[in-house]
Amino acid sequence: MSLYRFSQYPFRNGKQAQNRVVVPPMASKTADADGFVTDASRQHYQRLAEANAGIIFVEYSFVHQTGKGEANQMGASNDQQIAGLADLAAIIQKKGSLAGLQLVHAGGKTTTEITGTPLMAPSSIMVPVKDRPLEIPVSMTVEQIQEWVESFVQAAHRADKAGFDFVELHAAHGYGINQWLSPITNQRFDEYGVNIQGRSKLLFDIINRIKLEIPNILVAVRMPAQDHSEGGLEVHEMFWVVKQLENLGVDLIDVSSGIGGWRRQDGRTTEGYLVSDAALLKQSSSLPVIGVGGIETGKFIDEIICQRKVDFAAVGRAILKGPREWALVQMSS
């Protein structure tokens, strides 16, 4: 079998991934209380860069204080944070990897203790998570929706000024944009609800603005192929969404889990337990696709790329355990 994991991948703006391995965004909890990069953050990404991956995504970073999800979460919510983020982009790129910054608004998947304000979401429906009940958020006004769009766009500008190659919009794991997409949490009857066309409008509005204002930055979307929850997003809906993302000029889709969160689904125990979902969405467009879910070995990466299930493979915990050691073993032959 050919060693597909070593092959380069060119993107539309002339930038190129040096291989097909992706380090996905993983919360390090190293930022300070205001979301600023710290020395611990720099050391963390210096270590991750030793994996020599094609793309390394910096962890989910809140675009506005109202969407902060945890105490020491990275932020991209004000211009003073740009300098620290630029350090992380430079650390990653120095090893030849493309650098991405994942942008998120937690919506109703947080607490008022963290945000300091009432939680906001598409509808006044508690976001379901496995381990605890959450607060019931306030249904957002159209004015607040426009503020969300603006927050994401301004955060993308900051990522661009910091020198990142990619921004990734987090529309998975039950966070804010996923709440808009899912019929479980979006039960609106205006232009932002009713059907998948309405429920995806906020995501499309954000992408349109980024593409218009920052045409040279690459845009990835982390999204589910389905919610894997009763009454949630279905594959045929996400086929349609992916086709629209292709038409909007999105550069990469990163297929993970949906409204229930990132944790492994019951019964899914094998390596690459969400690759089948990524393969489904790959059928619906020409967009390159990242597969995720407990991927650990170079051999498995070669198999799923050879079989055209995905174009990239995200290796999270296995690299986090020892980036240099993983690269020596899995990227040496």
C-alpha atoms as a PDB file:
ATOM      1  CA  MET A   1       0.000   0.000   0.000  1.00  0.00           C
ATOM      2  CA  SER A   2       1.202   3.517  -0.807  1.00  0.00           C
ATOM      3  CA  LEU A   3       2.011   5.785   2.117  1.00  0.00           C
ATOM      4  CA  TYR A   4      -0.823   8.243   1.532  1.00  0.00           C
ATOM      5  CA  ARG A   5      -0.220   9.948   4.867  1.00  0.00           C
ATOM      6  CA  PHE A   6       2.945  11.567   3.441  1.00  0.00           C
ATOM      7  CA  SER A   7       1.316  13.114   0.375  1.00  0.00           C
ATOM      8  CA  GLN A   8       0.998  16.886   0.202  1.00  0.00           C
ATOM      9  CA  TYR A   9      -2.306  18.680  -0.331  1.00  0.00           C
ATOM     10  CA  PRO A  10      -2.550  22.036  -2.169  1.00  0.00           C
ATOM     11  CA  PHE A  11      -5.222  24.571  -1.229  1.00  0.00           C
ATOM     12  CA  ARG A  12      -6.726  27.247  -3.478  1.00  0.00           C
ATOM     13  CA  ASN A  13      -4.576  30.125  -2.227  1.00  0.00           C
ATOM     14  CA  GLY A  14      -1.275  28.379  -2.980  1.00  0.00           C
ATOM     15  CA  LYS A  15      -0.730  27.119   0.556  1.00  0.00           C
ATOM     16  CA  GLN A  16       0.021  23.445   0.943  1.00  0.00           C
ATOM     17  CA  ALA A  17      -0.319  20.896   3.727  1.00  0.00           C
ATOM     18  CA  GLN A  18       2.937  18.959   4.014  1.00  0.00           C
ATOM     19  CA  ASN A  19       1.075  15.717   4.783  1.00  0.00           C
ATOM     20  CA  ARG A  20      -2.417  14.381   5.548  1.00  0.00           C
ATOM     21  CA  VAL A  21      -2.180  14.360   9.338  1.00  0.00           C
ATOM     22  CA  VAL A  22      -4.174  16.929  11.303  1.00  0.00           C
ATOM     23  CA  VAL A  23      -3.812  17.812  14.961  1.00  0.00           C
ATOM     24  CA  PRO A  24      -7.400  18.712  15.871  1.00  0.00           C
ATOM     25  CA  PRO A  25      -8.351  21.517  18.245  1.00  0.00           C
ATOM     26  CA  MET A  26      -8.078  20.209  21.789  1.00  0.00           C
ATOM     27  CA  ALA A  27      -8.726  22.389  24.829  1.00  0.00           C
ATOM     28  CA  SER A  28      -5.513  22.816  26.815  1.00  0.00           C
ATOM     29  CA  LYS A  29      -6.966  25.154  29.484  1.00  0.00           C
ATOM     30  CA  THR A  30      -3.700  27.079  29.427  1.00  0.00           C
ATOM     31  CA  ALA A  31      -5.098  30.555  28.699  1.00  0.00           C
ATOM     32  CA  ASP A  32      -5.430  33.064  31.508  1.00  0.00           C
ATOM     33  CA  ALA A  33      -8.786  34.060  33.005  1.00  0.00           C
ATOM     34  CA  ASP A  34      -9.339  36.630  30.240  1.00  0.00           C
ATOM     35  CA  GLY A  35      -8.546  34.272  27.379  1.00  0.00           C
ATOM     36  CA  PHE A  36      -5.011  35.492  26.719  1.00  0.00           C
ATOM     37  CA  VAL A  37      -2.218  33.180  25.564  1.00  0.00           C
ATOM     38  CA  THR A  38       0.255  32.340  28.342  1.00  0.00           C
ATOM     39  CA  ASP A  39       3.743  30.831  28.407  1.00  0.00           C
ATOM     40  CA  ALA A  40       2.053  27.511  29.156  1.00  0.00           C
ATOM     41  CA  SER A  41       0.061  27.912  25.936  1.00  0.00           C
ATOM     42  CA  ARG A  42       3.229  28.568  23.959  1.00  0.00           C
ATOM     43  CA  GLN A  43       4.945  25.543  25.454  1.00  0.00           C
ATOM     44  CA  HIS A  44       1.909  23.378  24.730  1.00  0.00           C
ATOM     45  CA  TYR A  45       1.846  24.264  21.025  1.00  0.00           C
ATOM     46  CA  GLN A  46       5.623  24.058  20.771  1.00  0.00           C
ATOM     47  CA  ARG A  47       5.230  20.465  21.915  1.00  0.00           C
ATOM     48  CA  LEU A  48       2.331  19.701  19.554  1.00  0.00           C
ATOM     49  CA  ALA A  49       4.298  21.137  16.632  1.00  0.00           C
ATOM     50  CA  GLU A  50       6.802  18.300  17.070  1.00  0.00           C
ATOM     51  CA  ALA A  51       4.243  15.997  15.431  1.00  0.00           C
ATOM     52  CA  ASN A  52       5.137  17.659  12.080  1.00  0.00           C
ATOM     53  CA  ALA A  53       1.487  17.440  10.999  1.00  0.00           C
ATOM     54  CA  GLY A  54       0.080  18.925   7.829  1.00  0.00           C
ATOM     55  CA  ILE A  55      -2.353  21.139   9.761  1.00  0.00           C
ATOM     56  CA  ILE A  56      -2.453  22.006  13.456  1.00  0.00           C
ATOM     57  CA  PHE A  57      -5.580  23.670  14.831  1.00  0.00           C
ATOM     58  CA  VAL A  58      -5.363  25.837  17.908  1.00  0.00           C
ATOM     59  CA  GLU A  59      -8.108  24.990  20.378  1.00  0.00           C
ATOM     60  CA  TYR A  60     -11.610  26.432  20.419  1.00  0.00           C
ATOM     61  CA  SER A  61     -11.401  30.151  21.075  1.00  0.00           C
ATOM     62  CA  PHE A  62     -14.399  32.214  22.107  1.00  0.00           C
ATOM     63  CA  VAL A  63     -15.430  35.047  19.791  1.00  0.00           C
ATOM     64  CA  HIS A  64     -17.351  36.973  22.463  1.00  0.00           C
ATOM     65  CA  GLN A  65     -17.561  36.923  26.261  1.00  0.00           C
ATOM     66  CA  THR A  66     -21.211  35.786  26.016  1.00  0.00           C
ATOM     67  CA  GLY A  67     -19.974  32.637  24.275  1.00  0.00           C
ATOM     68  CA  LYS A  68     -17.156  31.684  26.619  1.00  0.00           C
ATOM     69  CA  GLY A  69     -17.415  28.026  27.579  1.00  0.00           C
ATOM     70  CA  GLU A  70     -14.890  27.515  30.382  1.00  0.00           C
ATOM     71  CA  ALA A  71     -12.677  29.457  32.754  1.00  0.00           C
ATOM     72  CA  ASN A  72      -9.291  29.165  31.021  1.00  0.00           C
ATOM     73  CA  GLN A  73     -10.509  29.027  27.452  1.00  0.00           C
ATOM     74  CA  MET A  74      -8.502  30.721  24.686  1.00  0.00           C
ATOM     75  CA  GLY A  75     -10.053  33.909  23.363  1.00  0.00           C
ATOM     76  CA  ALA A  76     -10.204  35.698  20.016  1.00  0.00           C
ATOM     77  CA  SER A  77     -12.652  38.299  21.260  1.00  0.00           C
ATOM     78  CA  ASN A  78     -10.536  41.453  21.330  1.00  0.00           C
ATOM     79  CA  ASP A  79      -7.570  42.935  19.511  1.00  0.00           C
ATOM     80  CA  GLN A  80      -5.293  42.729  22.541  1.00  0.00           C
ATOM     81  CA  GLN A  81      -5.319  38.934  22.161  1.00  0.00           C
ATOM     82  CA  ILE A  82      -3.810  39.056  18.650  1.00  0.00           C
ATOM     83  CA  ALA A  83      -0.166  39.204  19.771  1.00  0.00           C
ATOM     84  CA  GLY A  84      -0.392  36.010  21.810  1.00  0.00           C
ATOM     85  CA  LEU A  85      -2.272  34.204  19.057  1.00  0.00           C
ATOM     86  CA  ALA A  86       0.412  35.301  16.596  1.00  0.00           C
ATOM     87  CA  ASP A  87       3.002  33.570  18.762  1.00  0.00           C
ATOM     88  CA  LEU A  88       1.076  30.302  18.458  1.00  0.00           C
ATOM     89  CA  ALA A  89       0.675  30.610  14.683  1.00  0.00           C
ATOM     90  CA  ALA A  90       4.411  31.241  14.291  1.00  0.00           C
ATOM     91  CA  ILE A  91       5.346  28.292  16.524  1.00  0.00           C
ATOM     92  CA  ILE A  92       3.203  25.951  14.413  1.00  0.00           C
ATOM     93  CA  GLN A  93       4.333  27.294  11.038  1.00  0.00           C
ATOM     94  CA  LYS A  94       8.007  27.128  11.983  1.00  0.00           C
ATOM     95  CA  LYS A  95       7.742  23.324  11.776  1.00  0.00           C
ATOM     96  CA  GLY A  96       6.146  23.481   8.338  1.00  0.00           C
ATOM     97  CA  SER A  97       2.547  22.909   9.456  1.00  0.00           C
ATOM     98  CA  LEU A  98      -0.380  25.078   8.414  1.00  0.00           C
ATOM     99  CA  ALA A  99      -1.861  26.855  11.435  1.00  0.00           C
ATOM    100  CA  GLY A 100      -5.592  27.066  12.081  1.00  0.00           C
ATOM    101  CA  LEU A 101      -7.594  28.820  14.773  1.00  0.00           C
ATOM    102  CA  GLN A 102     -10.944  27.342  15.758  1.00  0.00           C
ATOM    103  CA  LEU A 103     -13.624  29.923  16.537  1.00  0.00           C
ATOM    104  CA  VAL A 104     -16.626  29.211  18.740  1.00  0.00           C
ATOM    105  CA  HIS A 105     -19.571  30.713  20.552  1.00  0.00           C
ATOM    106  CA  ALA A 106     -20.836  28.288  23.185  1.00  0.00           C
ATOM    107  CA  GLY A 107     -24.423  29.521  22.939  1.00  0.00           C
ATOM    108  CA  GLY A 108     -26.414  27.643  25.578  1.00  0.00           C
ATOM    109  CA  LYS A 109     -23.624  25.154  26.316  1.00  0.00           C
ATOM    110  CA  THR A 110     -22.001  27.123  29.115  1.00  0.00           C
ATOM    111  CA  THR A 111     -23.025  28.786  32.392  1.00  0.00           C
ATOM    112  CA  THR A 112     -23.952  32.299  33.452  1.00  0.00           C
ATOM    113  CA  GLU A 113     -21.169  32.068  36.037  1.00  0.00           C
ATOM    114  CA  ILE A 114     -18.650  31.924  33.178  1.00  0.00           C
ATOM    115  CA  THR A 115     -20.276  34.380  30.762  1.00  0.00           C
ATOM    116  CA  GLY A 116     -21.526  36.887  33.328  1.00  0.00           C
ATOM    117  CA  THR A 117     -24.659  37.317  31.207  1.00  0.00           C
ATOM    118  CA  PRO A 118     -27.797  35.278  30.466  1.00  0.00           C
ATOM    119  CA  LEU A 119     -27.115  32.415  28.066  1.00  0.00           C
ATOM    120  CA  MET A 120     -28.274  32.921  24.489  1.00  0.00           C
ATOM    121  CA  ALA A 121     -29.315  30.330  21.917  1.00  0.00           C
ATOM    122  CA  PRO A 122     -31.682  29.961  18.962  1.00  0.00           C
ATOM    123  CA  SER A 123     -34.538  28.809  21.221  1.00  0.00           C
ATOM    124  CA  SER A 124     -35.196  28.671  24.957  1.00  0.00           C
ATOM    125  CA  ILE A 125     -34.318  24.980  25.064  1.00  0.00           C
ATOM    126  CA  MET A 126     -31.709  23.411  27.329  1.00  0.00           C
ATOM    127  CA  VAL A 127     -28.785  22.065  25.314  1.00  0.00           C
ATOM    128  CA  PRO A 128     -28.575  18.314  25.980  1.00  0.00           C
ATOM    129  CA  VAL A 129     -25.289  16.988  27.346  1.00  0.00           C
ATOM    130  CA  LYS A 130     -24.601  13.564  28.800  1.00  0.00           C
ATOM    131  CA  ASP A 131     -23.298  14.371  32.243  1.00  0.00           C
ATOM    132  CA  ARG A 132     -25.423  17.197  33.679  1.00  0.00           C
ATOM    133  CA  PRO A 133     -28.414  19.496  33.140  1.00  0.00           C
ATOM    134  CA  LEU A 134     -27.588  22.959  31.819  1.00  0.00           C
ATOM    135  CA  GLU A 135     -29.334  26.287  32.257  1.00  0.00           C
ATOM    136  CA  ILE A 136     -32.165  27.205  29.888  1.00  0.00           C
ATOM    137  CA  PRO A 137     -30.931  29.930  27.518  1.00  0.00           C
ATOM    138  CA  VAL A 138     -32.785  32.980  26.226  1.00  0.00           C
ATOM    139  CA  SER A 139     -34.071  32.832  22.651  1.00  0.00           C
ATOM    140  CA  MET A 140     -32.051  35.321  20.621  1.00  0.00           C
ATOM    141  CA  THR A 141     -33.389  38.367  18.834  1.00  0.00           C
ATOM    142  CA  VAL A 142     -32.493  39.127  15.221  1.00  0.00           C
ATOM    143  CA  GLU A 143     -30.289  41.939  16.536  1.00  0.00           C
ATOM    144  CA  GLN A 144     -28.379  39.479  18.731  1.00  0.00           C
ATOM    145  CA  ILE A 145     -28.004  37.129  15.768  1.00  0.00           C
ATOM    146  CA  GLN A 146     -26.325  39.912  13.812  1.00  0.00           C
ATOM    147  CA  GLU A 147     -24.037  40.555  16.786  1.00  0.00           C
ATOM    148  CA  TRP A 148     -23.032  36.855  16.692  1.00  0.00           C
ATOM    149  CA  VAL A 149     -22.212  37.117  13.007  1.00  0.00           C
ATOM    150  CA  GLU A 150     -20.150  40.236  13.630  1.00  0.00           C
ATOM    151  CA  SER A 151     -18.298  38.565  16.526  1.00  0.00           C
ATOM    152  CA  PHE A 152     -17.259  35.619  14.347  1.00  0.00           C
ATOM    153  CA  VAL A 153     -16.185  37.881  11.504  1.00  0.00           C
ATOM    154  CA  GLN A 154     -14.104  40.124  13.759  1.00  0.00           C
ATOM    155  CA  ALA A 155     -12.498  37.063  15.365  1.00  0.00           C
ATOM    156  CA  ALA A 156     -11.599  35.825  11.863  1.00  0.00           C
ATOM    157  CA  HIS A 157      -9.975  39.197  11.171  1.00  0.00           C
ATOM    158  CA  ARG A 158      -7.911  38.742  14.333  1.00  0.00           C
ATOM    159  CA  ALA A 159      -6.853  35.273  13.222  1.00  0.00           C
ATOM    160  CA  ASP A 160      -5.778  36.728   9.889  1.00  0.00           C
ATOM    161  CA  LYS A 161      -3.806  39.527  11.577  1.00  0.00           C
ATOM    162  CA  ALA A 162      -2.161  36.900  13.807  1.00  0.00           C
ATOM    163  CA  GLY A 163      -0.945  35.081  10.703  1.00  0.00           C
ATOM    164  CA  PHE A 164      -3.106  31.951  10.773  1.00  0.00           C
ATOM    165  CA  ASP A 165      -3.597  30.058   7.522  1.00  0.00           C
ATOM    166  CA  PHE A 166      -7.059  28.771   8.506  1.00  0.00           C
ATOM    167  CA  VAL A 167     -10.030  29.711  10.582  1.00  0.00           C
ATOM    168  CA  GLU A 168     -12.285  26.841  11.568  1.00  0.00           C
ATOM    169  CA  LEU A 169     -15.899  27.564  12.491  1.00  0.00           C
ATOM    170  CA  HIS A 170     -16.990  25.185  15.253  1.00  0.00           C
ATOM    171  CA  ALA A 171     -20.434  23.934  14.241  1.00  0.00           C
ATOM    172  CA  ALA A 172     -20.232  20.591  16.082  1.00  0.00           C
ATOM    173  CA  HIS A 173     -20.221  19.102  19.611  1.00  0.00           C
ATOM    174  CA  GLY A 174     -23.394  20.915  20.661  1.00  0.00           C
ATOM    175  CA  TYR A 175     -21.826  24.393  20.670  1.00  0.00           C
ATOM    176  CA  GLY A 176     -23.512  27.524  19.369  1.00  0.00           C
ATOM    177  CA  ILE A 177     -23.603  27.022  15.587  1.00  0.00           C
ATOM    178  CA  ASN A 178     -24.513  23.338  16.055  1.00  0.00           C
ATOM    179  CA  GLN A 179     -27.425  24.565  18.183  1.00  0.00           C
ATOM    180  CA  TRP A 180     -28.607  26.622  15.206  1.00  0.00           C
ATOM    181  CA  LEU A 181     -28.291  23.711  12.798  1.00  0.00           C
ATOM    182  CA  SER A 182     -30.045  21.118  14.959  1.00  0.00           C
ATOM    183  CA  PRO A 183     -33.842  20.852  15.120  1.00  0.00           C
ATOM    184  CA  ILE A 184     -33.425  19.696  18.739  1.00  0.00           C
ATOM    185  CA  THR A 185     -32.261  23.145  19.854  1.00  0.00           C
ATOM    186  CA  ASN A 186     -33.539  25.374  17.031  1.00  0.00           C
ATOM    187  CA  GLN A 187     -37.320  25.470  17.031  1.00  0.00           C
ATOM    188  CA  ARG A 188     -37.728  28.954  15.624  1.00  0.00           C
ATOM    189  CA  PHE A 189     -40.385  29.922  13.086  1.00  0.00           C
ATOM    190  CA  ASP A 190     -38.587  32.864  11.472  1.00  0.00           C
ATOM    191  CA  GLU A 191     -35.999  32.938   8.671  1.00  0.00           C
ATOM    192  CA  TYR A 192     -33.424  31.319  11.000  1.00  0.00           C
ATOM    193  CA  GLY A 193     -35.526  28.232  11.703  1.00  0.00           C
ATOM    194  CA  VAL A 194     -38.308  25.993  10.311  1.00  0.00           C
ATOM    195  CA  ASN A 195     -36.111  23.835   8.035  1.00  0.00           C
ATOM    196  CA  ILE A 196     -32.455  23.161   7.266  1.00  0.00           C
ATOM    197  CA  GLN A 197     -32.327  26.154   4.932  1.00  0.00           C
ATOM    198  CA  GLY A 198     -33.320  28.465   7.767  1.00  0.00           C
ATOM    199  CA  ARG A 199     -31.347  26.680  10.467  1.00  0.00           C
ATOM    200  CA  SER A 200     -28.119  26.999   8.460  1.00  0.00           C
ATOM    201  CA  LYS A 201     -28.589  30.685   7.594  1.00  0.00           C
ATOM    202  CA  LEU A 202     -26.453  31.985  10.465  1.00  0.00           C
ATOM    203  CA  LEU A 203     -23.533  29.738   9.459  1.00  0.00           C
ATOM    204  CA  PHE A 204     -23.816  30.811   5.824  1.00  0.00           C
ATOM    205  CA  ASP A 205     -24.017  34.497   6.808  1.00  0.00           C
ATOM    206  CA  ILE A 206     -20.766  34.179   8.782  1.00  0.00           C
ATOM    207  CA  ILE A 207     -18.983  32.424   5.900  1.00  0.00           C
ATOM    208  CA  ASN A 208     -20.201  34.943   3.336  1.00  0.00           C
ATOM    209  CA  ARG A 209     -18.830  37.821   5.396  1.00  0.00           C
ATOM    210  CA  ILE A 210     -15.464  36.128   5.991  1.00  0.00           C
ATOM    211  CA  LYS A 211     -15.106  35.272   2.315  1.00  0.00           C
ATOM    212  CA  LEU A 212     -15.956  38.848   1.337  1.00  0.00           C
ATOM    213  CA  GLU A 213     -13.733  40.591   3.880  1.00  0.00           C
ATOM    214  CA  ILE A 214     -10.798  38.163   4.240  1.00  0.00           C
ATOM    215  CA  PRO A 215     -10.595  36.378   0.872  1.00  0.00           C
ATOM    216  CA  ASN A 216      -7.127  34.929   1.375  1.00  0.00           C
ATOM    217  CA  ILE A 217      -7.722  33.089   4.624  1.00  0.00           C
ATOM    218  CA  LEU A 218      -8.709  29.431   4.318  1.00  0.00           C
ATOM    219  CA  VAL A 219     -12.041  28.499   5.917  1.00  0.00           C
ATOM    220  CA  ALA A 220     -12.793  25.138   7.530  1.00  0.00           C
ATOM    221  CA  VAL A 221     -16.050  24.086   9.171  1.00  0.00           C
ATOM    222  CA  ARG A 222     -16.173  21.474  11.925  1.00  0.00           C
ATOM    223  CA  MET A 223     -19.585  19.872  11.637  1.00  0.00           C
ATOM    224  CA  PRO A 224     -21.515  16.652  12.201  1.00  0.00           C
ATOM    225  CA  ALA A 225     -22.896  14.435   9.465  1.00  0.00           C
ATOM    226  CA  GLN A 226     -25.791  13.810  11.860  1.00  0.00           C
ATOM    227  CA  ASP A 227     -26.592  14.470  15.493  1.00  0.00           C
ATOM    228  CA  HIS A 228     -26.819  10.794  16.496  1.00  0.00           C
ATOM    229  CA  SER A 229     -29.721  11.907  18.709  1.00  0.00           C
ATOM    230  CA  GLU A 230     -33.424  11.257  18.228  1.00  0.00           C
ATOM    231  CA  GLY A 231     -35.061  14.149  16.421  1.00  0.00           C
ATOM    232  CA  GLY A 232     -31.707  15.684  15.515  1.00  0.00           C
ATOM    233  CA  LEU A 233     -29.850  16.534  12.338  1.00  0.00           C
ATOM    234  CA  GLU A 234     -30.112  13.916   9.614  1.00  0.00           C
ATOM    235  CA  VAL A 235     -27.595  12.976   6.929  1.00  0.00           C
ATOM    236  CA  HIS A 236     -29.740  14.135   4.013  1.00  0.00           C
ATOM    237  CA  GLU A 237     -29.902  17.611   5.575  1.00  0.00           C
ATOM    238  CA  MET A 238     -26.135  17.750   5.970  1.00  0.00           C
ATOM    239  CA  PHE A 239     -25.654  16.605   2.355  1.00  0.00           C
ATOM    240  CA  TRP A 240     -27.461  19.799   1.393  1.00  0.00           C
ATOM    241  CA  VAL A 241     -25.439  21.917   3.837  1.00  0.00           C
ATOM    242  CA  VAL A 242     -22.124  20.588   2.487  1.00  0.00           C
ATOM    243  CA  LYS A 243     -23.160  21.398  -1.073  1.00  0.00           C
ATOM    244  CA  GLN A 244     -23.895  24.969  -0.020  1.00  0.00           C
ATOM    245  CA  LEU A 245     -20.541  25.186   1.776  1.00  0.00           C
ATOM    246  CA  GLU A 246     -18.847  24.133  -1.442  1.00  0.00           C
ATOM    247  CA  ASN A 247     -20.737  26.834  -3.353  1.00  0.00           C
ATOM    248  CA  LEU A 248     -19.716  29.425  -0.746  1.00  0.00           C
ATOM    249  CA  GLY A 249     -16.030  28.597  -1.240  1.00  0.00           C
ATOM    250  CA  VAL A 250     -15.315  26.766   2.030  1.00  0.00           C
ATOM    251  CA  ASP A 251     -11.932  25.027   1.817  1.00  0.00           C
ATOM    252  CA  LEU A 252     -12.220  22.083   4.209  1.00  0.00           C
ATOM    253  CA  ILE A 253     -14.796  20.252   6.304  1.00  0.00           C
ATOM    254  CA  ASP A 254     -13.933  18.527   9.554  1.00  0.00           C
ATOM    255  CA  VAL A 255     -16.550  15.872  10.321  1.00  0.00           C
ATOM    256  CA  SER A 256     -17.089  15.185  14.015  1.00  0.00           C
ATOM    257  CA  SER A 257     -20.050  14.525  16.328  1.00  0.00           C
ATOM    258  CA  GLY A 258     -23.172  16.586  16.851  1.00  0.00           C
ATOM    259  CA  ILE A 259     -25.472  17.973  19.497  1.00  0.00           C
ATOM    260  CA  GLY A 260     -24.667  15.384  22.173  1.00  0.00           C
ATOM    261  CA  GLY A 261     -21.025  16.442  22.380  1.00  0.00           C
ATOM    262  CA  TRP A 262     -17.653  15.093  21.339  1.00  0.00           C
ATOM    263  CA  ARG A 263     -17.602  11.962  23.454  1.00  0.00           C
ATOM    264  CA  ARG A 264     -17.491   8.571  21.761  1.00  0.00           C
ATOM    265  CA  GLN A 265     -20.919   7.188  20.913  1.00  0.00           C
ATOM    266  CA  ASP A 266     -21.991   3.985  22.645  1.00  0.00           C
ATOM    267  CA  GLY A 267     -20.945   0.943  20.674  1.00  0.00           C
ATOM    268  CA  ARG A 268     -18.339   2.798  18.621  1.00  0.00           C
ATOM    269  CA  THR A 269     -15.104   1.262  19.831  1.00  0.00           C
ATOM    270  CA  THR A 270     -12.934   0.930  16.727  1.00  0.00           C
ATOM    271  CA  GLU A 271     -10.207   3.225  15.458  1.00  0.00           C
ATOM    272  CA  GLY A 272     -11.742   5.974  13.340  1.00  0.00           C
ATOM    273  CA  TYR A 273     -15.215   5.574  14.819  1.00  0.00           C
ATOM    274  CA  LEU A 274     -16.533   8.704  13.032  1.00  0.00           C
ATOM    275  CA  VAL A 275     -14.795   8.108   9.694  1.00  0.00           C
ATOM    276  CA  SER A 276     -17.954   6.524   8.304  1.00  0.00           C
ATOM    277  CA  ASP A 277     -19.765   9.825   8.887  1.00  0.00           C
ATOM    278  CA  ALA A 278     -16.978  11.729   7.129  1.00  0.00           C
ATOM    279  CA  ALA A 279     -17.161   9.290   4.205  1.00  0.00           C
ATOM    280  CA  LEU A 280     -20.891   9.989   3.863  1.00  0.00           C
ATOM    281  CA  LEU A 281     -20.336  13.738   3.505  1.00  0.00           C
ATOM    282  CA  LYS A 282     -17.395  13.242   1.151  1.00  0.00           C
ATOM    283  CA  GLN A 283     -19.866  11.707  -1.318  1.00  0.00           C
ATOM    284  CA  SER A 284     -21.861  14.930  -1.562  1.00  0.00           C
ATOM    285  CA  SER A 285     -19.205  17.413  -2.742  1.00  0.00           C
ATOM    286  CA  SER A 286     -15.653  17.829  -3.951  1.00  0.00           C
ATOM    287  CA  LEU A 287     -14.545  19.456  -0.677  1.00  0.00           C
ATOM    288  CA  PRO A 288     -11.608  17.838   1.140  1.00  0.00           C
ATOM    289  CA  VAL A 289     -12.705  16.108   4.326  1.00  0.00           C
ATOM    290  CA  ILE A 290     -11.024  15.436   7.676  1.00  0.00           C
ATOM    291  CA  GLY A 291     -11.966  12.167   9.392  1.00  0.00           C
ATOM    292  CA  VAL A 292     -11.828  11.897  13.187  1.00  0.00           C
ATOM    293  CA  GLY A 293     -12.515   9.533  16.063  1.00  0.00           C
ATOM    294  CA  GLY A 294      -9.786   7.705  17.945  1.00  0.00           C
ATOM    295  CA  ILE A 295      -7.390   7.545  14.982  1.00  0.00           C
ATOM    296  CA  GLU A 296      -3.952   6.408  16.123  1.00  0.00           C
ATOM    297  CA  THR A 297      -1.856   4.754  13.409  1.00  0.00           C
ATOM    298  CA  GLY A 298      -0.267   5.676  10.114  1.00  0.00           C
ATOM    299  CA  LYS A 299      -1.446   2.395   8.631  1.00  0.00           C
ATOM    300  CA  PHE A 300      -5.078   3.254   9.335  1.00  0.00           C
ATOM    301  CA  ILE A 301      -4.601   6.738   7.864  1.00  0.00           C
ATOM    302  CA  ASP A 302      -3.242   5.228   4.643  1.00  0.00           C
ATOM    303  CA  GLU A 303      -6.199   2.848   4.440  1.00  0.00           C
ATOM    304  CA  ILE A 304      -8.939   5.448   4.780  1.00  0.00           C
ATOM    305  CA  ILE A 305      -7.290   7.870   2.335  1.00  0.00           C
ATOM    306  CA  CYS A 306      -6.635   5.055  -0.163  1.00  0.00           C
ATOM    307  CA  GLN A 307     -10.301   4.049   0.086  1.00  0.00           C
ATOM    308  CA  ARG A 308     -11.296   7.700  -0.600  1.00  0.00           C
ATOM    309  CA  LYS A 309     -13.240   7.904   2.627  1.00  0.00           C
ATOM    310  CA  VAL A 310     -11.366  11.050   3.698  1.00  0.00           C
ATOM    311  CA  ASP A 311      -8.552  13.337   2.563  1.00  0.00           C
ATOM    312  CA  PHE A 312      -7.062  14.042   5.997  1.00  0.00           C
ATOM    313  CA  ALA A 313      -7.022  12.228   9.341  1.00  0.00           C
ATOM    314  CA  ALA A 314      -7.160  13.979  12.709  1.00  0.00           C
ATOM    315  CA  VAL A 315      -5.022  12.359  15.400  1.00  0.00           C
ATOM    316  CA  GLY A 316      -5.827  13.809  18.803  1.00  0.00           C
ATOM    317  CA  ARG A 317      -5.107  11.874  21.956  1.00  0.00           C
ATOM    318  CA  ALA A 318      -2.375   9.714  20.421  1.00  0.00           C
ATOM    319  CA  ILE A 319      -0.404  12.818  19.432  1.00  0.00           C
ATOM    320  CA  LEU A 320      -1.241  14.658  22.659  1.00  0.00           C
ATOM    321  CA  LYS A 321       0.313  11.770  24.568  1.00  0.00           C
ATOM    322  CA  GLY A 322       3.656  12.212  22.812  1.00  0.00           C
ATOM    323  CA  PRO A 323       3.864  14.293  19.600  1.00  0.00           C
ATOM    324  CA  ARG A 324       7.518  13.578  18.824  1.00  0.00           C
ATOM    325  CA  GLU A 325       7.211   9.909  19.700  1.00  0.00           C
ATOM    326  CA  TRP A 326       4.085   9.516  17.561  1.00  0.00           C
ATOM    327  CA  ALA A 327       5.796  11.123  14.579  1.00  0.00           C
ATOM    328  CA  LEU A 328       8.865   8.909  14.974  1.00  0.00           C
ATOM    329  CA  VAL A 329       6.793   5.740  14.955  1.00  0.00           C
ATOM    330  CA  GLN A 330       3.869   6.550  12.660  1.00  0.00           C
ATOM    331  CA  MET A 331       5.502   8.962  10.199  1.00  0.00           C
ATOM    332  CA  SER A 332       8.846   7.244   9.729  1.00  0.00           C
ATOM    333  CA  SER A 333       7.924   4.525   7.219  1.00  0.00           C
END
